[in-house]
N, C-alpha and C. Protein backbone atom coordinates (compact mmCIF):
# COMPACT_ATOMS: atom_id res chain seq x y z
N MET A 1 -3.78 -19.05 4.57
CA MET A 1 -3.15 -18.02 4.00
C MET A 1 -3.96 -16.62 4.19
N LYS A 2 -3.31 -15.64 4.64
CA LYS A 2 -3.96 -14.36 4.99
C LYS A 2 -4.61 -13.85 3.58
N GLN A 3 -5.26 -12.71 3.53
CA GLN A 3 -5.94 -12.20 2.25
C GLN A 3 -5.74 -10.64 2.82
N LEU A 4 -5.90 -9.82 1.64
CA LEU A 4 -6.20 -8.38 1.90
C LEU A 4 -7.40 -8.17 1.69
N ALA A 5 -8.07 -6.81 1.72
CA ALA A 5 -9.29 -6.35 1.61
C ALA A 5 -9.40 -4.91 1.07
N GLN A 6 -10.06 -4.84 0.57
CA GLN A 6 -10.37 -3.26 -0.40
C GLN A 6 -10.51 -2.43 0.79
N THR A 7 -10.46 -2.64 2.15
CA THR A 7 -10.25 -1.61 3.05
C THR A 7 -8.94 -1.69 3.62
N ASP A 8 -7.85 -2.23 2.90
CA ASP A 8 -6.51 -2.13 3.32
C ASP A 8 -6.01 -0.99 2.03
N TYR A 9 -5.28 0.27 2.66
CA TYR A 9 -4.88 1.04 2.05
C TYR A 9 -3.40 1.15 2.10
N VAL A 10 -2.93 1.85 1.02
CA VAL A 10 -1.49 2.26 0.93
C VAL A 10 -1.45 3.47 0.44
N ILE A 11 -0.13 4.22 0.72
CA ILE A 11 0.08 5.29 -0.03
C ILE A 11 0.85 5.22 -1.04
N TYR A 12 0.32 5.52 -2.43
CA TYR A 12 1.10 4.99 -3.66
C TYR A 12 1.78 6.52 -4.42
N ASP A 13 2.82 6.12 -5.02
CA ASP A 13 3.19 7.25 -5.73
C ASP A 13 3.15 6.73 -7.42
N LYS A 14 2.04 7.07 -8.06
CA LYS A 14 1.80 6.18 -9.42
C LYS A 14 2.80 6.56 -10.40
N ALA A 15 3.39 7.86 -10.32
CA ALA A 15 4.17 8.26 -11.52
C ALA A 15 5.56 7.58 -11.18
N ASN A 16 5.71 7.17 -10.13
CA ASN A 16 7.42 6.21 -9.87
C ASN A 16 6.89 5.09 -9.69
N ASP A 17 5.72 4.41 -9.57
CA ASP A 17 5.08 3.13 -9.14
C ASP A 17 6.10 2.76 -7.92
N ASN A 18 5.74 3.32 -6.92
CA ASN A 18 6.04 3.13 -5.67
C ASN A 18 5.34 3.25 -4.50
N PRO A 19 4.89 2.24 -3.63
CA PRO A 19 4.24 2.55 -2.50
C PRO A 19 5.16 2.92 -1.49
N LEU A 20 4.61 3.26 -0.51
CA LEU A 20 5.34 3.68 0.88
C LEU A 20 5.82 2.66 1.53
N GLN A 21 7.13 2.45 1.89
CA GLN A 21 7.83 1.70 2.56
C GLN A 21 8.42 1.60 3.50
N ASP A 22 8.64 0.62 4.54
CA ASP A 22 9.38 1.28 5.71
C ASP A 22 10.94 0.98 5.64
N SER A 23 11.74 0.95 6.43
CA SER A 23 13.15 0.98 6.25
C SER A 23 13.46 -0.17 5.78
N TYR A 24 12.71 -1.21 5.95
CA TYR A 24 13.30 -3.00 5.59
C TYR A 24 12.83 -2.90 4.36
N GLY A 25 12.11 -2.02 3.52
CA GLY A 25 11.54 -2.40 2.44
C GLY A 25 10.12 -2.85 2.16
N ARG A 26 9.35 -3.18 3.38
CA ARG A 26 7.91 -3.77 3.55
C ARG A 26 6.79 -2.59 2.99
N VAL A 27 6.07 -2.88 2.38
CA VAL A 27 4.84 -1.88 1.92
C VAL A 27 4.38 -1.57 3.24
N ILE A 28 3.77 -0.29 3.55
CA ILE A 28 3.12 -0.06 4.81
C ILE A 28 1.57 -0.06 4.70
N LEU A 29 0.76 -1.08 4.95
CA LEU A 29 -0.61 -1.10 4.92
C LEU A 29 -1.32 -0.13 6.06
N PHE A 30 -2.29 0.48 5.88
CA PHE A 30 -3.22 1.31 6.85
C PHE A 30 -4.79 0.82 6.66
N GLY A 31 -5.30 0.32 7.82
CA GLY A 31 -6.33 0.18 7.93
C GLY A 31 -7.54 1.09 7.90
N ASP A 32 -7.01 2.42 8.02
CA ASP A 32 -7.85 3.58 8.42
C ASP A 32 -7.44 4.51 7.27
N LYS A 33 -8.60 4.76 6.29
CA LYS A 33 -7.91 5.76 5.11
C LYS A 33 -7.68 7.27 5.47
N GLU A 34 -8.10 7.64 6.52
CA GLU A 34 -8.16 9.17 7.05
C GLU A 34 -6.47 9.18 7.65
N GLU A 35 -6.14 8.23 8.19
CA GLU A 35 -4.58 8.26 8.73
C GLU A 35 -3.93 8.39 7.63
N ALA A 36 -4.21 7.52 6.48
CA ALA A 36 -3.34 7.29 5.44
C ALA A 36 -3.12 8.82 4.61
N ILE A 37 -4.32 9.30 4.59
CA ILE A 37 -4.41 10.78 3.94
C ILE A 37 -3.71 11.70 4.79
N ASN A 38 -3.62 11.65 5.86
CA ASN A 38 -2.94 12.65 6.88
C ASN A 38 -1.16 12.38 6.75
N ASP A 39 -0.97 11.08 6.02
CA ASP A 39 0.79 10.81 5.79
C ASP A 39 1.01 10.88 4.71
N CYS A 40 0.17 11.28 3.87
CA CYS A 40 0.45 11.72 2.31
C CYS A 40 1.26 12.72 2.00
N TYR A 41 2.57 12.97 0.83
CA TYR A 41 3.12 13.95 0.51
C TYR A 41 2.70 14.39 -0.91
N GLY A 42 3.05 15.66 -1.39
CA GLY A 42 2.95 15.99 -2.79
C GLY A 42 2.12 15.21 -3.81
N ASN A 43 2.99 14.08 -4.85
CA ASN A 43 2.47 13.43 -5.63
C ASN A 43 2.16 12.10 -5.02
N GLU A 44 1.68 11.88 -3.93
CA GLU A 44 1.30 10.53 -3.66
C GLU A 44 -0.54 10.67 -3.30
N ALA A 45 -1.00 9.29 -3.55
CA ALA A 45 -2.30 9.29 -3.32
C ALA A 45 -2.43 8.09 -2.16
N VAL A 46 -3.93 7.91 -1.72
CA VAL A 46 -4.01 6.61 -1.20
C VAL A 46 -4.99 5.75 -2.15
N VAL A 47 -4.47 4.77 -2.16
CA VAL A 47 -5.37 3.94 -3.01
C VAL A 47 -5.76 2.59 -2.34
N SER A 48 -6.88 1.99 -2.37
CA SER A 48 -7.20 0.53 -1.76
C SER A 48 -6.02 -0.31 -2.53
N TYR A 49 -5.78 -1.55 -1.77
CA TYR A 49 -4.87 -2.69 -1.98
C TYR A 49 -5.44 -3.00 -3.23
N THR A 50 -6.99 -3.04 -3.67
CA THR A 50 -7.35 -3.62 -4.66
C THR A 50 -6.87 -2.87 -6.21
N ASP A 51 -6.73 -1.50 -5.84
CA ASP A 51 -6.00 -0.51 -6.95
C ASP A 51 -4.77 -0.67 -7.32
N LEU A 52 -3.87 -1.46 -6.51
CA LEU A 52 -2.41 -1.54 -7.15
C LEU A 52 -1.96 -2.16 -8.21
N PRO A 53 -0.96 -1.80 -8.72
CA PRO A 53 -0.86 -2.72 -10.11
C PRO A 53 -0.26 -4.35 -9.53
N MET A 54 -0.82 -5.31 -10.15
CA MET A 54 -0.72 -6.52 -9.98
C MET A 54 0.90 -6.81 -9.37
N HIS A 55 1.81 -6.70 -9.53
CA HIS A 55 3.30 -6.84 -9.15
C HIS A 55 3.00 -6.44 -7.76
N TRP A 56 2.33 -5.34 -7.16
CA TRP A 56 2.50 -4.87 -5.72
C TRP A 56 1.67 -5.59 -4.93
N LYS A 57 0.27 -5.89 -5.82
CA LYS A 57 -0.50 -6.83 -5.05
C LYS A 57 0.22 -8.20 -4.60
N LEU A 58 1.03 -8.72 -5.85
CA LEU A 58 1.43 -10.09 -4.82
C LEU A 58 2.56 -9.66 -4.14
N GLU A 59 3.46 -8.70 -4.10
CA GLU A 59 4.24 -8.30 -2.99
C GLU A 59 3.80 -8.20 -1.91
N LEU A 60 2.36 -7.64 -1.64
CA LEU A 60 1.93 -7.28 -0.64
C LEU A 60 1.55 -9.04 0.15
N LEU A 61 1.00 -9.66 -0.76
CA LEU A 61 0.42 -10.91 -0.41
C LEU A 61 1.65 -11.87 0.22
N ASN A 62 2.73 -11.74 -0.41
CA ASN A 62 4.15 -12.36 0.04
C ASN A 62 4.53 -11.86 1.24
N GLN A 63 4.36 -10.42 1.42
CA GLN A 63 4.70 -9.94 2.50
C GLN A 63 3.98 -10.39 3.88
N ILE A 64 2.74 -10.08 3.90
CA ILE A 64 1.64 -10.89 5.00
C ILE A 64 1.61 -12.32 5.32
N ASN A 65 2.36 -13.03 4.29
CA ASN A 65 2.15 -14.43 4.50
C ASN A 65 3.25 -15.17 4.60
N SER A 66 4.36 -14.21 4.75
CA SER A 66 5.90 -14.84 5.20
C SER A 66 6.19 -14.30 6.51
């Protein structure tokens, strides 16, 4: 079973409880924080995987293990 680390980042819109996703609905993971920061817009922020709400953590674990 694959695991995620604190150094895995996502772009997250906290106000709308929505991480950045691709056209298939998969959450986009970044291994480089600076790259994620460069892709941010307006009300989005770069957060570590560990700082996401539990339902998004579980979604990401399901995503990488399927």
